Amino acid sequence: MAKHVCPWWIGSLLASPIRRWIAENPEQLLAPYLREGMTVLEPGPGMGFFTLPLARLVGPAGRVIAVDIQAKMLAGLRRRAIKAGLAERIETRLARPERMGLDDLEGTVDFVFTFAAVHEMPSAETFFDEAANALKPGGLLFFAEPSGHVKTDEFQREVQAAEMAGLQVLNHPTVRRSHAVILRKIDAKITCNEPSGSLKA
């Protein structure tokens, strides 16, 4: 099991508009990777600090699939989506603690965004296997972890798990107080006897 999962009652604080001024600006962070009509997967969305901007960026023809293990987080996200007029673009899914359950999404997702969530999961290997399976060939995964909670060596182990799942490092975007990497789905998983072939910008 994960060592710690962010309590649902903190979700409203993390979704506060103040956060965009003192920490991340979601639109600025995400706009370079998105276009209208995309299907986006967001594991660990909390109450939607990034989810609502994702929904705006993919437009009416796009879809954001938000997956969380806490029903109260998802309920808060749905309330905020309805208030913002974005509910029709956002699908919420309640996952089991050990797996997200995304078999129906195989090869259909254009972009995966996960922020400060993988370190809370029981297995980074399982997460990246599921995320890679959901991605289309060439699809991108934006992966970030808070540097205050996740040390550099732990982040590197998570990136290695992503590479073993068939994701290739493209570059390392600058995200305030965070480790971050952009990965792309390649054709085949890496075996233990093969080099990763990571590309670093």
N, C-alpha and C. Protein backbone atom coordinates (compact mmCIF):
# COMPACT_ATOMS: atom_id res chain seq x y z
N MET A 1 0.83 -1.20 0.00
CA MET A 1 0.00 0.00 0.00
C MET A 1 0.87 1.26 0.00
N ALA A 2 0.32 2.38 -0.43
CA ALA A 2 1.04 3.64 -0.41
C ALA A 2 1.31 4.07 1.02
N LYS A 3 2.44 4.77 1.22
CA LYS A 3 2.78 5.22 2.56
C LYS A 3 1.81 6.30 3.06
N HIS A 4 1.35 7.14 2.16
CA HIS A 4 0.49 8.25 2.57
C HIS A 4 -0.33 8.70 1.37
N VAL A 5 -1.61 8.93 1.61
CA VAL A 5 -2.49 9.48 0.57
C VAL A 5 -3.04 10.79 1.08
N CYS A 6 -2.98 11.81 0.27
CA CYS A 6 -3.46 13.14 0.67
C CYS A 6 -4.92 13.06 1.10
N PRO A 7 -5.26 13.50 2.32
CA PRO A 7 -6.65 13.42 2.80
C PRO A 7 -7.59 14.23 1.90
N TRP A 8 -8.82 13.72 1.75
CA TRP A 8 -9.77 14.37 0.85
C TRP A 8 -10.05 15.80 1.26
N TRP A 9 -10.03 16.10 2.58
CA TRP A 9 -10.40 17.44 3.04
C TRP A 9 -9.35 18.49 2.69
N ILE A 10 -8.16 18.06 2.29
CA ILE A 10 -7.14 19.01 1.84
C ILE A 10 -7.39 19.40 0.37
N GLY A 11 -8.22 18.61 -0.31
CA GLY A 11 -8.46 18.84 -1.72
C GLY A 11 -8.93 20.24 -2.06
N SER A 12 -9.81 20.79 -1.23
CA SER A 12 -10.31 22.14 -1.51
C SER A 12 -9.21 23.19 -1.38
N LEU A 13 -8.26 22.96 -0.46
CA LEU A 13 -7.14 23.89 -0.31
C LEU A 13 -6.22 23.82 -1.52
N LEU A 14 -5.98 22.60 -2.00
CA LEU A 14 -5.10 22.42 -3.16
C LEU A 14 -5.73 22.96 -4.44
N ALA A 15 -7.05 23.06 -4.47
CA ALA A 15 -7.74 23.58 -5.65
C ALA A 15 -7.96 25.09 -5.59
N SER A 16 -7.47 25.73 -4.55
CA SER A 16 -7.69 27.17 -4.37
C SER A 16 -7.07 27.98 -5.50
N PRO A 17 -7.77 29.02 -5.98
CA PRO A 17 -7.19 29.89 -7.01
C PRO A 17 -5.89 30.56 -6.58
N ILE A 18 -5.68 30.71 -5.27
CA ILE A 18 -4.45 31.33 -4.78
C ILE A 18 -3.22 30.54 -5.21
N ARG A 19 -3.42 29.23 -5.35
CA ARG A 19 -2.29 28.36 -5.70
C ARG A 19 -1.65 28.76 -7.03
N ARG A 20 -2.43 29.22 -7.97
CA ARG A 20 -1.87 29.56 -9.27
C ARG A 20 -0.94 30.76 -9.19
N TRP A 21 -1.11 31.59 -8.16
CA TRP A 21 -0.27 32.77 -8.03
C TRP A 21 1.01 32.47 -7.26
N ILE A 22 0.95 31.51 -6.34
CA ILE A 22 2.13 31.24 -5.52
C ILE A 22 2.86 29.96 -5.95
N ALA A 23 2.26 29.18 -6.84
CA ALA A 23 2.89 27.92 -7.24
C ALA A 23 2.78 27.74 -8.75
N GLU A 24 1.79 26.94 -9.21
CA GLU A 24 1.70 26.59 -10.62
C GLU A 24 0.59 27.34 -11.34
N ASN A 25 0.85 27.70 -12.59
CA ASN A 25 -0.18 28.22 -13.47
C ASN A 25 -0.54 27.10 -14.44
N PRO A 26 -1.68 26.45 -14.25
CA PRO A 26 -1.99 25.26 -15.05
C PRO A 26 -1.99 25.49 -16.55
N GLU A 27 -2.64 26.57 -16.99
CA GLU A 27 -2.72 26.82 -18.43
C GLU A 27 -1.33 27.02 -19.04
N GLN A 28 -0.51 27.78 -18.37
CA GLN A 28 0.85 28.03 -18.87
C GLN A 28 1.66 26.74 -18.92
N LEU A 29 1.48 25.90 -17.93
CA LEU A 29 2.21 24.65 -17.85
C LEU A 29 1.79 23.65 -18.91
N LEU A 30 0.48 23.59 -19.20
CA LEU A 30 -0.07 22.52 -20.01
C LEU A 30 -0.31 22.87 -21.48
N ALA A 31 -0.52 24.15 -21.78
CA ALA A 31 -0.89 24.56 -23.13
C ALA A 31 0.06 24.04 -24.22
N PRO A 32 1.38 23.98 -24.00
CA PRO A 32 2.26 23.51 -25.09
C PRO A 32 2.02 22.06 -25.52
N TYR A 33 1.33 21.28 -24.70
CA TYR A 33 1.18 19.84 -24.97
C TYR A 33 -0.23 19.45 -25.42
N LEU A 34 -1.15 20.40 -25.41
CA LEU A 34 -2.54 20.05 -25.66
C LEU A 34 -3.10 20.78 -26.87
N ARG A 35 -4.09 20.15 -27.48
CA ARG A 35 -4.85 20.80 -28.55
C ARG A 35 -6.30 20.35 -28.42
N GLU A 36 -7.19 21.06 -29.07
CA GLU A 36 -8.61 20.74 -28.96
C GLU A 36 -8.90 19.35 -29.50
N GLY A 37 -9.83 18.69 -28.82
CA GLY A 37 -10.25 17.36 -29.24
C GLY A 37 -9.48 16.21 -28.62
N MET A 38 -8.46 16.50 -27.83
CA MET A 38 -7.65 15.44 -27.23
C MET A 38 -8.41 14.70 -26.12
N THR A 39 -8.00 13.45 -25.88
CA THR A 39 -8.44 12.70 -24.72
C THR A 39 -7.28 12.69 -23.73
N VAL A 40 -7.56 13.16 -22.51
CA VAL A 40 -6.54 13.30 -21.47
C VAL A 40 -6.90 12.42 -20.29
N LEU A 41 -5.91 11.76 -19.74
CA LEU A 41 -6.06 10.98 -18.51
C LEU A 41 -5.33 11.69 -17.40
N GLU A 42 -6.04 11.93 -16.28
CA GLU A 42 -5.41 12.57 -15.13
C GLU A 42 -5.59 11.69 -13.88
N PRO A 43 -4.61 10.88 -13.54
CA PRO A 43 -4.66 10.14 -12.28
C PRO A 43 -4.35 11.05 -11.10
N GLY A 44 -5.10 10.90 -10.03
CA GLY A 44 -4.88 11.72 -8.84
C GLY A 44 -5.22 13.18 -9.03
N PRO A 45 -6.42 13.51 -9.49
CA PRO A 45 -6.77 14.89 -9.81
C PRO A 45 -7.09 15.77 -8.61
N GLY A 46 -7.26 15.15 -7.42
CA GLY A 46 -7.75 15.94 -6.29
C GLY A 46 -9.11 16.52 -6.63
N MET A 47 -9.32 17.78 -6.30
CA MET A 47 -10.59 18.43 -6.61
C MET A 47 -10.52 19.30 -7.85
N GLY A 48 -9.50 19.06 -8.68
CA GLY A 48 -9.56 19.63 -10.01
C GLY A 48 -8.76 20.87 -10.30
N PHE A 49 -7.69 21.13 -9.53
CA PHE A 49 -6.88 22.33 -9.80
C PHE A 49 -6.36 22.31 -11.24
N PHE A 50 -5.91 21.15 -11.70
CA PHE A 50 -5.47 21.01 -13.09
C PHE A 50 -6.57 20.52 -14.01
N THR A 51 -7.54 19.79 -13.47
CA THR A 51 -8.57 19.15 -14.29
C THR A 51 -9.39 20.17 -15.08
N LEU A 52 -9.82 21.23 -14.42
CA LEU A 52 -10.65 22.22 -15.10
C LEU A 52 -9.87 22.92 -16.22
N PRO A 53 -8.62 23.36 -15.98
CA PRO A 53 -7.86 23.91 -17.10
C PRO A 53 -7.63 22.90 -18.22
N LEU A 54 -7.39 21.64 -17.88
CA LEU A 54 -7.25 20.61 -18.91
C LEU A 54 -8.51 20.56 -19.77
N ALA A 55 -9.67 20.58 -19.12
CA ALA A 55 -10.94 20.52 -19.85
C ALA A 55 -11.13 21.73 -20.75
N ARG A 56 -10.71 22.89 -20.30
CA ARG A 56 -10.82 24.09 -21.14
C ARG A 56 -9.91 23.98 -22.36
N LEU A 57 -8.70 23.46 -22.14
CA LEU A 57 -7.71 23.39 -23.22
C LEU A 57 -8.08 22.37 -24.29
N VAL A 58 -8.75 21.28 -23.93
CA VAL A 58 -9.12 20.28 -24.95
C VAL A 58 -10.42 20.65 -25.65
N GLY A 59 -11.16 21.61 -25.13
CA GLY A 59 -12.34 22.12 -25.81
C GLY A 59 -13.55 21.19 -25.74
N PRO A 60 -14.66 21.60 -26.34
CA PRO A 60 -15.91 20.82 -26.27
C PRO A 60 -15.80 19.42 -26.87
N ALA A 61 -14.91 19.24 -27.84
CA ALA A 61 -14.77 17.93 -28.47
C ALA A 61 -13.80 17.02 -27.72
N GLY A 62 -13.13 17.55 -26.71
CA GLY A 62 -12.16 16.77 -25.96
C GLY A 62 -12.77 16.13 -24.72
N ARG A 63 -11.96 15.33 -24.04
CA ARG A 63 -12.43 14.64 -22.85
C ARG A 63 -11.28 14.52 -21.86
N VAL A 64 -11.58 14.73 -20.58
CA VAL A 64 -10.62 14.51 -19.51
C VAL A 64 -11.17 13.41 -18.61
N ILE A 65 -10.36 12.38 -18.40
CA ILE A 65 -10.76 11.27 -17.54
C ILE A 65 -9.96 11.38 -16.25
N ALA A 66 -10.64 11.71 -15.17
CA ALA A 66 -10.01 11.93 -13.87
C ALA A 66 -10.23 10.71 -12.99
N VAL A 67 -9.13 10.11 -12.53
CA VAL A 67 -9.19 8.85 -11.78
C VAL A 67 -8.60 9.06 -10.40
N ASP A 68 -9.36 8.69 -9.37
CA ASP A 68 -8.89 8.84 -8.00
C ASP A 68 -9.42 7.69 -7.14
N ILE A 69 -8.75 7.43 -6.02
CA ILE A 69 -9.21 6.37 -5.12
C ILE A 69 -10.14 6.91 -4.03
N GLN A 70 -10.33 8.24 -4.00
CA GLN A 70 -11.16 8.84 -2.95
C GLN A 70 -12.44 9.42 -3.55
N ALA A 71 -13.56 8.84 -3.17
CA ALA A 71 -14.85 9.27 -3.71
C ALA A 71 -15.14 10.73 -3.37
N LYS A 72 -14.72 11.17 -2.19
CA LYS A 72 -15.00 12.56 -1.79
C LYS A 72 -14.20 13.56 -2.62
N MET A 73 -12.99 13.17 -3.04
CA MET A 73 -12.22 14.03 -3.95
C MET A 73 -12.98 14.19 -5.26
N LEU A 74 -13.44 13.07 -5.80
CA LEU A 74 -14.15 13.11 -7.08
C LEU A 74 -15.47 13.87 -6.98
N ALA A 75 -16.14 13.75 -5.84
CA ALA A 75 -17.39 14.50 -5.65
C ALA A 75 -17.11 16.00 -5.66
N GLY A 76 -16.04 16.42 -5.00
CA GLY A 76 -15.66 17.83 -5.01
C GLY A 76 -15.29 18.30 -6.40
N LEU A 77 -14.60 17.45 -7.13
CA LEU A 77 -14.23 17.78 -8.51
C LEU A 77 -15.47 17.95 -9.38
N ARG A 78 -16.43 17.04 -9.25
CA ARG A 78 -17.66 17.15 -10.06
C ARG A 78 -18.41 18.44 -9.73
N ARG A 79 -18.48 18.80 -8.46
CA ARG A 79 -19.16 20.06 -8.09
C ARG A 79 -18.49 21.26 -8.75
N ARG A 80 -17.18 21.28 -8.73
CA ARG A 80 -16.45 22.39 -9.33
C ARG A 80 -16.61 22.39 -10.86
N ALA A 81 -16.64 21.20 -11.46
CA ALA A 81 -16.82 21.12 -12.91
C ALA A 81 -18.19 21.62 -13.34
N ILE A 82 -19.22 21.26 -12.57
CA ILE A 82 -20.59 21.74 -12.87
C ILE A 82 -20.65 23.25 -12.76
N LYS A 83 -20.07 23.79 -11.70
CA LYS A 83 -20.08 25.24 -11.48
C LYS A 83 -19.37 25.97 -12.63
N ALA A 84 -18.30 25.36 -13.15
CA ALA A 84 -17.52 25.98 -14.23
C ALA A 84 -18.10 25.70 -15.61
N GLY A 85 -19.18 24.92 -15.69
CA GLY A 85 -19.78 24.59 -16.98
C GLY A 85 -18.94 23.62 -17.81
N LEU A 86 -18.15 22.78 -17.13
CA LEU A 86 -17.24 21.87 -17.83
C LEU A 86 -17.56 20.40 -17.57
N ALA A 87 -18.67 20.14 -16.90
CA ALA A 87 -18.97 18.76 -16.48
C ALA A 87 -19.06 17.79 -17.65
N GLU A 88 -19.54 18.24 -18.80
CA GLU A 88 -19.71 17.33 -19.95
C GLU A 88 -18.37 16.90 -20.54
N ARG A 89 -17.30 17.62 -20.24
CA ARG A 89 -15.98 17.27 -20.78
C ARG A 89 -15.18 16.39 -19.82
N ILE A 90 -15.68 16.21 -18.59
CA ILE A 90 -14.90 15.53 -17.56
C ILE A 90 -15.61 14.27 -17.10
N GLU A 91 -14.92 13.16 -17.20
CA GLU A 91 -15.42 11.88 -16.69
C GLU A 91 -14.63 11.53 -15.43
N THR A 92 -15.32 11.24 -14.35
CA THR A 92 -14.64 10.85 -13.11
C THR A 92 -14.78 9.35 -12.90
N ARG A 93 -13.69 8.75 -12.44
CA ARG A 93 -13.67 7.31 -12.18
C ARG A 93 -13.07 7.03 -10.81
N LEU A 94 -13.74 6.18 -10.06
CA LEU A 94 -13.22 5.74 -8.76
C LEU A 94 -12.39 4.48 -8.97
N ALA A 95 -11.12 4.55 -8.61
CA ALA A 95 -10.21 3.43 -8.80
C ALA A 95 -10.04 2.62 -7.52
N ARG A 96 -9.55 1.41 -7.67
CA ARG A 96 -9.12 0.63 -6.52
C ARG A 96 -7.74 1.12 -6.09
N PRO A 97 -7.36 0.93 -4.83
CA PRO A 97 -6.04 1.41 -4.39
C PRO A 97 -4.89 0.82 -5.19
N GLU A 98 -5.02 -0.45 -5.62
CA GLU A 98 -3.88 -1.13 -6.26
C GLU A 98 -3.83 -0.96 -7.77
N ARG A 99 -4.96 -0.62 -8.42
CA ARG A 99 -4.99 -0.45 -9.87
C ARG A 99 -6.02 0.61 -10.26
N MET A 100 -5.76 1.28 -11.39
CA MET A 100 -6.72 2.28 -11.85
C MET A 100 -7.88 1.65 -12.62
N GLY A 101 -7.66 0.50 -13.25
CA GLY A 101 -8.72 -0.15 -14.00
C GLY A 101 -9.03 0.55 -15.31
N LEU A 102 -8.04 0.61 -16.20
CA LEU A 102 -8.17 1.39 -17.44
C LEU A 102 -8.16 0.52 -18.69
N ASP A 103 -8.47 -0.76 -18.55
CA ASP A 103 -8.38 -1.67 -19.70
C ASP A 103 -9.22 -1.19 -20.90
N ASP A 104 -10.35 -0.55 -20.61
CA ASP A 104 -11.21 -0.08 -21.70
C ASP A 104 -10.63 1.10 -22.47
N LEU A 105 -9.57 1.71 -21.93
CA LEU A 105 -8.96 2.87 -22.58
C LEU A 105 -7.74 2.51 -23.42
N GLU A 106 -7.46 1.25 -23.57
CA GLU A 106 -6.23 0.82 -24.24
C GLU A 106 -6.05 1.53 -25.59
N GLY A 107 -4.92 2.23 -25.71
CA GLY A 107 -4.56 2.88 -26.97
C GLY A 107 -5.44 4.04 -27.40
N THR A 108 -6.15 4.68 -26.45
CA THR A 108 -7.08 5.74 -26.83
C THR A 108 -6.72 7.12 -26.28
N VAL A 109 -5.76 7.20 -25.38
CA VAL A 109 -5.44 8.45 -24.68
C VAL A 109 -4.29 9.18 -25.37
N ASP A 110 -4.47 10.48 -25.58
CA ASP A 110 -3.44 11.30 -26.22
C ASP A 110 -2.40 11.80 -25.24
N PHE A 111 -2.84 12.07 -24.01
CA PHE A 111 -1.96 12.76 -23.05
C PHE A 111 -2.32 12.32 -21.64
N VAL A 112 -1.31 11.96 -20.86
CA VAL A 112 -1.50 11.64 -19.45
C VAL A 112 -0.81 12.72 -18.62
N PHE A 113 -1.53 13.22 -17.63
CA PHE A 113 -0.95 14.23 -16.74
C PHE A 113 -1.07 13.74 -15.30
N THR A 114 0.06 13.61 -14.62
CA THR A 114 0.03 13.21 -13.22
C THR A 114 0.98 14.09 -12.41
N PHE A 115 0.41 14.76 -11.43
CA PHE A 115 1.15 15.74 -10.65
C PHE A 115 1.05 15.37 -9.16
N ALA A 116 2.18 15.10 -8.55
CA ALA A 116 2.24 14.81 -7.10
C ALA A 116 1.34 13.65 -6.70
N ALA A 117 1.34 12.60 -7.52
CA ALA A 117 0.45 11.48 -7.24
C ALA A 117 1.15 10.12 -7.22
N VAL A 118 2.16 9.93 -8.05
CA VAL A 118 2.75 8.60 -8.18
C VAL A 118 3.40 8.13 -6.88
N HIS A 119 4.00 9.04 -6.12
CA HIS A 119 4.64 8.63 -4.86
C HIS A 119 3.62 8.15 -3.82
N GLU A 120 2.34 8.45 -4.04
CA GLU A 120 1.30 7.98 -3.13
C GLU A 120 0.74 6.61 -3.53
N MET A 121 1.15 6.11 -4.70
CA MET A 121 0.60 4.87 -5.21
C MET A 121 1.39 3.66 -4.69
N PRO A 122 0.73 2.52 -4.53
CA PRO A 122 1.43 1.34 -4.02
C PRO A 122 2.58 0.88 -4.92
N SER A 123 2.45 1.09 -6.24
CA SER A 123 3.45 0.60 -7.17
C SER A 123 3.58 1.54 -8.37
N ALA A 124 4.76 2.16 -8.49
CA ALA A 124 5.01 2.99 -9.67
C ALA A 124 5.02 2.14 -10.93
N GLU A 125 5.51 0.90 -10.82
CA GLU A 125 5.56 0.01 -11.98
C GLU A 125 4.16 -0.27 -12.52
N THR A 126 3.23 -0.58 -11.62
CA THR A 126 1.86 -0.85 -12.04
C THR A 126 1.23 0.39 -12.65
N PHE A 127 1.45 1.54 -12.03
CA PHE A 127 0.88 2.78 -12.56
C PHE A 127 1.36 3.04 -13.98
N PHE A 128 2.67 2.98 -14.20
CA PHE A 128 3.19 3.31 -15.53
C PHE A 128 2.80 2.25 -16.56
N ASP A 129 2.68 1.00 -16.16
CA ASP A 129 2.17 -0.02 -17.09
C ASP A 129 0.76 0.33 -17.55
N GLU A 130 -0.10 0.72 -16.61
CA GLU A 130 -1.48 1.07 -16.97
C GLU A 130 -1.53 2.33 -17.82
N ALA A 131 -0.75 3.33 -17.44
CA ALA A 131 -0.75 4.59 -18.19
C ALA A 131 -0.24 4.38 -19.61
N ALA A 132 0.85 3.62 -19.74
CA ALA A 132 1.40 3.36 -21.07
C ALA A 132 0.43 2.58 -21.94
N ASN A 133 -0.27 1.63 -21.34
CA ASN A 133 -1.26 0.85 -22.09
C ASN A 133 -2.40 1.72 -22.60
N ALA A 134 -2.78 2.73 -21.82
CA ALA A 134 -3.87 3.62 -22.22
C ALA A 134 -3.46 4.59 -23.32
N LEU A 135 -2.17 4.94 -23.37
CA LEU A 135 -1.70 5.92 -24.35
C LEU A 135 -1.70 5.37 -25.78
N LYS A 136 -1.98 6.26 -26.71
CA LYS A 136 -1.77 5.95 -28.12
C LYS A 136 -0.26 5.91 -28.40
N PRO A 137 0.18 5.20 -29.44
CA PRO A 137 1.59 5.28 -29.83
C PRO A 137 1.98 6.73 -30.09
N GLY A 138 3.07 7.17 -29.50
CA GLY A 138 3.49 8.55 -29.64
C GLY A 138 2.85 9.50 -28.65
N GLY A 139 1.89 9.01 -27.85
CA GLY A 139 1.25 9.86 -26.85
C GLY A 139 2.22 10.29 -25.76
N LEU A 140 1.91 11.39 -25.11
CA LEU A 140 2.82 11.97 -24.11
C LEU A 140 2.30 11.79 -22.70
N LEU A 141 3.24 11.69 -21.75
CA LEU A 141 2.93 11.64 -20.33
C LEU A 141 3.74 12.71 -19.62
N PHE A 142 3.05 13.62 -18.96
CA PHE A 142 3.68 14.68 -18.16
C PHE A 142 3.66 14.19 -16.72
N PHE A 143 4.84 13.97 -16.16
CA PHE A 143 4.99 13.38 -14.83
C PHE A 143 5.77 14.32 -13.94
N ALA A 144 5.17 14.73 -12.83
CA ALA A 144 5.84 15.64 -11.89
C ALA A 144 5.61 15.18 -10.46
N GLU A 145 6.63 15.38 -9.63
CA GLU A 145 6.56 15.06 -8.21
C GLU A 145 7.11 16.25 -7.42
N PRO A 146 6.54 16.54 -6.24
CA PRO A 146 7.05 17.65 -5.42
C PRO A 146 8.42 17.31 -4.84
N SER A 147 9.39 18.18 -5.04
CA SER A 147 10.75 17.90 -4.57
C SER A 147 10.84 17.88 -3.05
N GLY A 148 9.88 18.50 -2.37
CA GLY A 148 9.87 18.46 -0.92
C GLY A 148 9.46 17.12 -0.34
N HIS A 149 8.73 16.33 -1.12
CA HIS A 149 8.26 15.01 -0.68
C HIS A 149 9.03 13.86 -1.31
N VAL A 150 9.50 14.07 -2.51
CA VAL A 150 10.15 13.02 -3.29
C VAL A 150 11.59 13.43 -3.58
N LYS A 151 12.53 12.67 -3.06
CA LYS A 151 13.95 12.96 -3.28
C LYS A 151 14.34 12.59 -4.71
N THR A 152 15.47 13.13 -5.14
CA THR A 152 15.91 12.94 -6.52
C THR A 152 16.08 11.47 -6.87
N ASP A 153 16.67 10.68 -5.96
CA ASP A 153 16.89 9.27 -6.28
C ASP A 153 15.57 8.50 -6.40
N GLU A 154 14.58 8.87 -5.57
CA GLU A 154 13.27 8.22 -5.67
C GLU A 154 12.60 8.59 -6.98
N PHE A 155 12.71 9.85 -7.38
CA PHE A 155 12.13 10.27 -8.66
C PHE A 155 12.78 9.52 -9.82
N GLN A 156 14.08 9.36 -9.75
CA GLN A 156 14.77 8.63 -10.82
C GLN A 156 14.32 7.18 -10.89
N ARG A 157 14.05 6.56 -9.75
CA ARG A 157 13.54 5.19 -9.76
C ARG A 157 12.15 5.15 -10.42
N GLU A 158 11.33 6.17 -10.16
CA GLU A 158 10.01 6.23 -10.80
C GLU A 158 10.15 6.41 -12.31
N VAL A 159 11.08 7.25 -12.74
CA VAL A 159 11.31 7.44 -14.18
C VAL A 159 11.79 6.13 -14.81
N GLN A 160 12.63 5.39 -14.12
CA GLN A 160 13.08 4.09 -14.64
C GLN A 160 11.91 3.13 -14.80
N ALA A 161 10.97 3.18 -13.86
CA ALA A 161 9.76 2.35 -13.98
C ALA A 161 8.96 2.75 -15.22
N ALA A 162 8.91 4.04 -15.50
CA ALA A 162 8.22 4.52 -16.70
C ALA A 162 8.91 4.01 -17.96
N GLU A 163 10.23 4.05 -17.97
CA GLU A 163 10.97 3.58 -19.14
C GLU A 163 10.77 2.08 -19.36
N MET A 164 10.72 1.33 -18.28
CA MET A 164 10.49 -0.11 -18.40
C MET A 164 9.10 -0.42 -18.95
N ALA A 165 8.17 0.52 -18.77
CA ALA A 165 6.81 0.35 -19.28
C ALA A 165 6.68 0.75 -20.75
N GLY A 166 7.78 1.20 -21.36
CA GLY A 166 7.72 1.56 -22.77
C GLY A 166 7.58 3.05 -23.02
N LEU A 167 8.01 3.86 -22.05
CA LEU A 167 7.95 5.31 -22.19
C LEU A 167 9.38 5.85 -22.29
N GLN A 168 9.56 6.82 -23.15
CA GLN A 168 10.89 7.38 -23.43
C GLN A 168 10.95 8.83 -22.97
N VAL A 169 12.00 9.16 -22.23
CA VAL A 169 12.17 10.53 -21.75
C VAL A 169 12.48 11.46 -22.92
N LEU A 170 11.71 12.54 -23.02
CA LEU A 170 11.94 13.56 -24.05
C LEU A 170 12.67 14.76 -23.49
N ASN A 171 12.18 15.29 -22.38
CA ASN A 171 12.81 16.46 -21.78
C ASN A 171 12.35 16.64 -20.34
N HIS A 172 12.93 17.61 -19.70
CA HIS A 172 12.63 17.91 -18.29
C HIS A 172 12.13 19.35 -18.19
N PRO A 173 10.82 19.57 -18.22
CA PRO A 173 10.29 20.94 -18.10
C PRO A 173 10.56 21.51 -16.72
N THR A 174 10.63 22.80 -16.65
CA THR A 174 10.84 23.47 -15.37
C THR A 174 9.50 23.67 -14.68
N VAL A 175 9.37 23.07 -13.50
CA VAL A 175 8.17 23.20 -12.69
C VAL A 175 8.62 23.58 -11.28
N ARG A 176 8.08 24.66 -10.78
CA ARG A 176 8.52 25.20 -9.51
C ARG A 176 8.43 24.17 -8.38
N ARG A 177 9.50 24.02 -7.64
CA ARG A 177 9.58 23.13 -6.48
C ARG A 177 9.19 21.69 -6.82
N SER A 178 9.53 21.26 -8.02
CA SER A 178 9.15 19.92 -8.45
C SER A 178 10.21 19.30 -9.33
N HIS A 179 10.23 17.97 -9.34
CA HIS A 179 10.90 17.20 -10.40
C HIS A 179 9.87 16.99 -11.50
N ALA A 180 10.28 17.09 -12.74
CA ALA A 180 9.30 16.90 -13.82
C ALA A 180 9.97 16.32 -15.05
N VAL A 181 9.21 15.55 -15.80
CA VAL A 181 9.72 14.95 -17.03
C VAL A 181 8.55 14.74 -17.99
N ILE A 182 8.85 14.88 -19.28
CA ILE A 182 7.91 14.54 -20.34
C ILE A 182 8.36 13.24 -20.97
N LEU A 183 7.45 12.27 -21.06
CA LEU A 183 7.76 10.98 -21.65
C LEU A 183 6.84 10.72 -22.84
N ARG A 184 7.33 9.92 -23.78
CA ARG A 184 6.55 9.56 -24.97
C ARG A 184 6.44 8.05 -25.06
N LYS A 185 5.27 7.56 -25.45
CA LYS A 185 5.10 6.12 -25.62
C LYS A 185 5.82 5.66 -26.88
N ILE A 186 6.65 4.64 -26.71
CA ILE A 186 7.34 4.04 -27.84
C ILE A 186 6.71 2.69 -28.16
N ASP A 187 7.22 2.01 -29.16
CA ASP A 187 6.54 0.82 -29.68
C ASP A 187 6.59 -0.38 -28.75
N ALA A 188 7.70 -0.56 -28.03
CA ALA A 188 7.85 -1.78 -27.24
C ALA A 188 8.41 -1.47 -25.87
N LYS A 189 8.05 -2.30 -24.89
CA LYS A 189 8.62 -2.17 -23.56
C LYS A 189 10.10 -2.52 -23.60
N ILE A 190 10.83 -1.95 -22.64
CA ILE A 190 12.25 -2.24 -22.50
C ILE A 190 12.41 -3.46 -21.61
N THR A 191 13.24 -4.41 -22.03
CA THR A 191 13.52 -5.56 -21.17
C THR A 191 14.72 -5.25 -20.29
N CYS A 192 14.96 -6.09 -19.31
CA CYS A 192 16.04 -5.84 -18.38
C CYS A 192 17.41 -5.85 -19.04
N ASN A 193 17.53 -6.44 -20.25
CA ASN A 193 18.81 -6.55 -20.92
C ASN A 193 19.04 -5.43 -21.93
N GLU A 194 18.07 -4.50 -22.03
CA GLU A 194 18.19 -3.45 -23.04
C GLU A 194 18.44 -2.11 -22.38
N PRO A 195 19.25 -1.25 -22.99
CA PRO A 195 19.43 0.11 -22.45
C PRO A 195 18.17 0.91 -22.66
N SER A 196 17.99 1.94 -21.82
CA SER A 196 16.77 2.73 -21.91
C SER A 196 16.74 3.63 -23.12
N GLY A 197 17.88 4.15 -23.52
CA GLY A 197 17.92 5.04 -24.68
C GLY A 197 17.23 6.35 -24.44
N SER A 198 17.24 6.83 -23.19
CA SER A 198 16.55 8.08 -22.87
C SER A 198 17.15 9.24 -23.61
N LEU A 199 16.30 10.15 -24.03
CA LEU A 199 16.74 11.39 -24.65
C LEU A 199 16.58 12.51 -23.66
N LYS A 200 17.60 13.27 -23.42
CA LYS A 200 17.53 14.36 -22.47
C LYS A 200 17.77 15.67 -23.21
N ALA A 201 16.83 16.60 -23.04
CA ALA A 201 16.97 17.89 -23.71
C ALA A 201 17.86 18.78 -22.90
